[in-house]
Structures are given as C-alpha cells and as structure tokens.
C-alpha cells in the first residue's frame, strides 16, 4: 500500500482548486454571455436591412394565356340526400345484412 507524501497531497489539492476555478469561470461565462440581456425601457428596435421588402408587381398578362382562358370552374356539389348513419353505430358491421342507411344489398360473399 502506498501512502501519499505531504507534497503529493499539496499538488493534488492545487489541481483540484484549479479545476474548481475553471469550472466556476465557465459557468460564469455561460450565464453572462449565454442568455440574452433584457432591453432597457425606451429603446427602439430596428429591423435589419434584409427584413425590408421591395415593392411587389403582379403580371396579370399571364392569365391571358389560352390555357387559363379555357379552364372551367368546378361544378357545385349537391348536398347529401338520404339517411345518415346507422341505428346502432357501435354494432359490428356485417356485409351480409342490408344497410339501413343505403338500402343496398351486399356485393361480395364470404
């Protein structure tokens, strides 16, 4: 078993102290520079030059193209006619039974 001499203990103590000082310094730097500072009251906020937009011009001559002129609007969708849903929505679905909502017969058999 080896024992540490006074000088070795002193050297390890200095290394621990230096390590502690470095850690405290790093924590201070992160807290000081890592978080944004609060703005003072009365300060003005100026946008950088890249945020300002130039005037936008729209060329409507593009819509005079024959492709756009021949386009037709969508047909209006008629409202649903008939009964919506089932008498018991939690009952299991069986394709062999007639559906009360549509009154259709099953098309496939198992």
C-alpha atoms as a PDB file:
ATOM      1  CA  UNK A   1       0.000   0.000   0.000  1.00  0.00           C
ATOM      2  CA  UNK A   2       1.356   3.357  -0.976  1.00  0.00           C
ATOM      3  CA  UNK A   3       0.984   6.437   1.109  1.00  0.00           C
ATOM      4  CA  UNK A   4       0.928   9.973  -0.203  1.00  0.00           C
ATOM      5  CA  UNK A   5       3.523  12.383   0.979  1.00  0.00           C
ATOM      6  CA  UNK A   6       2.713  15.924   2.025  1.00  0.00           C
ATOM      7  CA  UNK A   7       3.971  17.324  -1.307  1.00  0.00           C
ATOM      8  CA  UNK A   8       1.810  14.921  -3.341  1.00  0.00           C
ATOM      9  CA  UNK A   9      -1.271  15.825  -1.287  1.00  0.00           C
ATOM     10  CA  UNK A  10      -0.492  19.513  -1.750  1.00  0.00           C
ATOM     11  CA  UNK A  11      -0.092  19.020  -5.532  1.00  0.00           C
ATOM     12  CA  UNK A  12      -3.475  17.219  -5.773  1.00  0.00           C
ATOM     13  CA  UNK A  13      -5.083  19.984  -3.715  1.00  0.00           C
ATOM     14  CA  UNK A  14      -3.764  22.630  -6.126  1.00  0.00           C
ATOM     15  CA  UNK A  15      -5.060  20.664  -9.125  1.00  0.00           C
ATOM     16  CA  UNK A  16      -8.500  20.377  -7.515  1.00  0.00           C
ATOM     17  CA  UNK A  17      -8.505  24.120  -6.775  1.00  0.00           C
ATOM     18  CA  UNK A  18      -7.522  24.972 -10.361  1.00  0.00           C
ATOM     19  CA  UNK A  19     -10.221  22.653 -11.715  1.00  0.00           C
ATOM     20  CA  UNK A  20     -12.815  24.281  -9.439  1.00  0.00           C
ATOM     21  CA  UNK A  21     -11.784  27.771 -10.564  1.00  0.00           C
ATOM     22  CA  UNK A  22     -12.021  26.742 -14.249  1.00  0.00           C
ATOM     23  CA  UNK A  23     -15.483  25.239 -13.731  1.00  0.00           C
ATOM     24  CA  UNK A  24     -16.725  28.353 -11.904  1.00  0.00           C
ATOM     25  CA  UNK A  25     -15.296  30.553 -14.666  1.00  0.00           C
ATOM     26  CA  UNK A  26     -17.010  28.510 -17.378  1.00  0.00           C
ATOM     27  CA  UNK A  27     -20.347  28.657 -15.546  1.00  0.00           C
ATOM     28  CA  UNK A  28     -19.968  32.437 -15.206  1.00  0.00           C
ATOM     29  CA  UNK A  29     -19.236  32.802 -18.938  1.00  0.00           C
ATOM     30  CA  UNK A  30     -22.275  30.734 -19.912  1.00  0.00           C
ATOM     31  CA  UNK A  31     -24.571  32.660 -17.578  1.00  0.00           C
ATOM     32  CA  UNK A  32     -23.200  36.036 -18.593  1.00  0.00           C
ATOM     33  CA  UNK A  33     -22.965  35.613 -22.376  1.00  0.00           C
ATOM     34  CA  UNK A  34     -25.244  32.638 -22.965  1.00  0.00           C
ATOM     35  CA  UNK A  35     -28.546  34.295 -22.075  1.00  0.00           C
ATOM     36  CA  UNK A  36     -29.891  37.383 -23.863  1.00  0.00           C
ATOM     37  CA  UNK A  37     -29.786  40.607 -21.936  1.00  0.00           C
ATOM     38  CA  UNK A  38     -33.001  42.465 -21.153  1.00  0.00           C
ATOM     39  CA  UNK A  39     -33.651  45.565 -23.249  1.00  0.00           C
ATOM     40  CA  UNK A  40     -33.780  48.863 -21.481  1.00  0.00           C
ATOM     41  CA  UNK A  41     -37.050  50.786 -21.446  1.00  0.00           C
ATOM     42  CA  UNK A  42     -37.360  53.391 -24.147  1.00  0.00           C
ATOM     43  CA  UNK A  43     -35.069  51.560 -26.516  1.00  0.00           C
ATOM     44  CA  UNK A  44     -36.037  51.264 -30.150  1.00  0.00           C
ATOM     45  CA  UNK A  45     -36.000  48.094 -32.164  1.00  0.00           C
ATOM     46  CA  UNK A  46     -34.611  48.491 -35.668  1.00  0.00           C
ATOM     47  CA  UNK A  47     -35.074  45.760 -38.255  1.00  0.00           C
ATOM     48  CA  UNK A  48     -32.038  44.697 -40.240  1.00  0.00           C
ATOM     49  CA  UNK A  49     -31.940  45.686 -43.907  1.00  0.00           C
ATOM     50  CA  UNK A  50     -32.787  42.127 -45.008  1.00  0.00           C
ATOM     51  CA  UNK A  51     -36.272  42.355 -43.414  1.00  0.00           C
ATOM     52  CA  UNK A  52     -37.482  45.218 -45.567  1.00  0.00           C
ATOM     53  CA  UNK A  53     -39.489  44.079 -48.587  1.00  0.00           C
ATOM     54  CA  UNK A  54     -39.341  45.573 -52.018  1.00  0.00           C
ATOM     55  CA  UNK A  55     -42.496  46.564 -53.874  1.00  0.00           C
ATOM     56  CA  UNK A  56     -44.169  43.562 -55.498  1.00  0.00           C
ATOM     57  CA  UNK A  57     -45.554  43.791 -59.028  1.00  0.00           C
ATOM     58  CA  UNK A  58     -48.012  41.180 -60.308  1.00  0.00           C
ATOM     59  CA  UNK A  59     -48.095  40.499 -64.039  1.00  0.00           C
ATOM     60  CA  UNK A  60     -51.745  39.732 -64.866  1.00  0.00           C
ATOM     61  CA  UNK A  61     -50.914  39.146 -68.548  1.00  0.00           C
ATOM     62  CA  UNK A  62     -50.048  35.560 -67.574  1.00  0.00           C
ATOM     63  CA  UNK A  63     -53.757  34.833 -67.104  1.00  0.00           C
ATOM     64  CA  UNK A  64     -54.470  35.802 -70.732  1.00  0.00           C
ATOM     65  CA  UNK A  65     -52.818  32.525 -71.765  1.00  0.00           C
ATOM     66  CA  UNK A  66     -55.271  30.257 -73.701  1.00  0.00           C
ATOM     67  CA  UNK A  67     -54.752  27.529 -71.104  1.00  0.00           C
ATOM     68  CA  UNK A  68     -56.200  29.722 -68.354  1.00  0.00           C
ATOM     69  CA  UNK A  69     -58.975  31.081 -70.583  1.00  0.00           C
ATOM     70  CA  UNK A  70     -60.195  27.561 -71.447  1.00  0.00           C
ATOM     71  CA  UNK A  71     -60.310  26.417 -67.820  1.00  0.00           C
ATOM     72  CA  UNK A  72     -63.779  25.715 -66.404  1.00  0.00           C
ATOM     73  CA  UNK A  73     -64.867  26.218 -62.805  1.00  0.00           C
ATOM     74  CA  UNK A  74     -65.658  23.224 -60.610  1.00  0.00           C
ATOM     75  CA  UNK A  75     -69.241  22.024 -60.502  1.00  0.00           C
ATOM     76  CA  UNK A  76     -71.147  22.746 -57.337  1.00  0.00           C
ATOM     77  CA  UNK A  77     -71.509  19.729 -55.051  1.00  0.00           C
ATOM     78  CA  UNK A  78     -75.086  18.888 -54.209  1.00  0.00           C
ATOM     79  CA  UNK A  79     -75.977  18.318 -50.556  1.00  0.00           C
ATOM     80  CA  UNK A  80     -76.278  14.691 -49.413  1.00  0.00           C
ATOM     81  CA  UNK A  81     -79.748  13.224 -49.750  1.00  0.00           C
ATOM     82  CA  UNK A  82     -80.748  10.229 -47.692  1.00  0.00           C
ATOM     83  CA  UNK A  83     -80.336   8.883 -44.193  1.00  0.00           C
ATOM     84  CA  UNK A  84     -77.001   9.468 -42.490  1.00  0.00           C
ATOM     85  CA  UNK A  85     -75.534   6.897 -40.129  1.00  0.00           C
ATOM     86  CA  UNK A  86     -76.836   3.660 -38.621  1.00  0.00           C
ATOM     87  CA  UNK A  87     -79.292   2.898 -35.872  1.00  0.00           C
ATOM     88  CA  UNK A  88     -76.528   1.499 -33.634  1.00  0.00           C
ATOM     89  CA  UNK A  89     -73.112   2.844 -34.691  1.00  0.00           C
ATOM     90  CA  UNK A  90     -71.342   0.523 -32.216  1.00  0.00           C
ATOM     91  CA  UNK A  91     -72.803  -2.687 -33.642  1.00  0.00           C
ATOM     92  CA  UNK A  92     -70.330  -4.738 -35.718  1.00  0.00           C
ATOM     93  CA  UNK A  93     -70.649  -4.284 -39.447  1.00  0.00           C
ATOM     94  CA  UNK A  94     -71.798  -7.316 -41.372  1.00  0.00           C
ATOM     95  CA  UNK A  95     -71.698  -7.181 -45.186  1.00  0.00           C
ATOM     96  CA  UNK A  96     -74.479  -9.811 -45.306  1.00  0.00           C
ATOM     97  CA  UNK A  97     -77.036  -7.509 -43.721  1.00  0.00           C
ATOM     98  CA  UNK A  98     -78.833  -4.764 -45.532  1.00  0.00           C
ATOM     99  CA  UNK A  99     -77.582  -1.364 -44.594  1.00  0.00           C
ATOM    100  CA  UNK A 100     -80.457   0.787 -43.335  1.00  0.00           C
ATOM    101  CA  UNK A 101     -78.655   3.933 -44.472  1.00  0.00           C
ATOM    102  CA  UNK A 102     -78.261   2.975 -48.128  1.00  0.00           C
ATOM    103  CA  UNK A 103     -80.691   0.082 -48.544  1.00  0.00           C
ATOM    104  CA  UNK A 104     -78.090  -1.639 -50.721  1.00  0.00           C
ATOM    105  CA  UNK A 105     -77.521  -5.346 -50.920  1.00  0.00           C
ATOM    106  CA  UNK A 106     -74.093  -6.874 -50.317  1.00  0.00           C
ATOM    107  CA  UNK A 107     -71.918  -7.372 -53.387  1.00  0.00           C
ATOM    108  CA  UNK A 108     -69.473  -9.929 -52.022  1.00  0.00           C
ATOM    109  CA  UNK A 109     -69.915 -13.200 -50.192  1.00  0.00           C
ATOM    110  CA  UNK A 110     -67.548 -14.935 -47.821  1.00  0.00           C
END
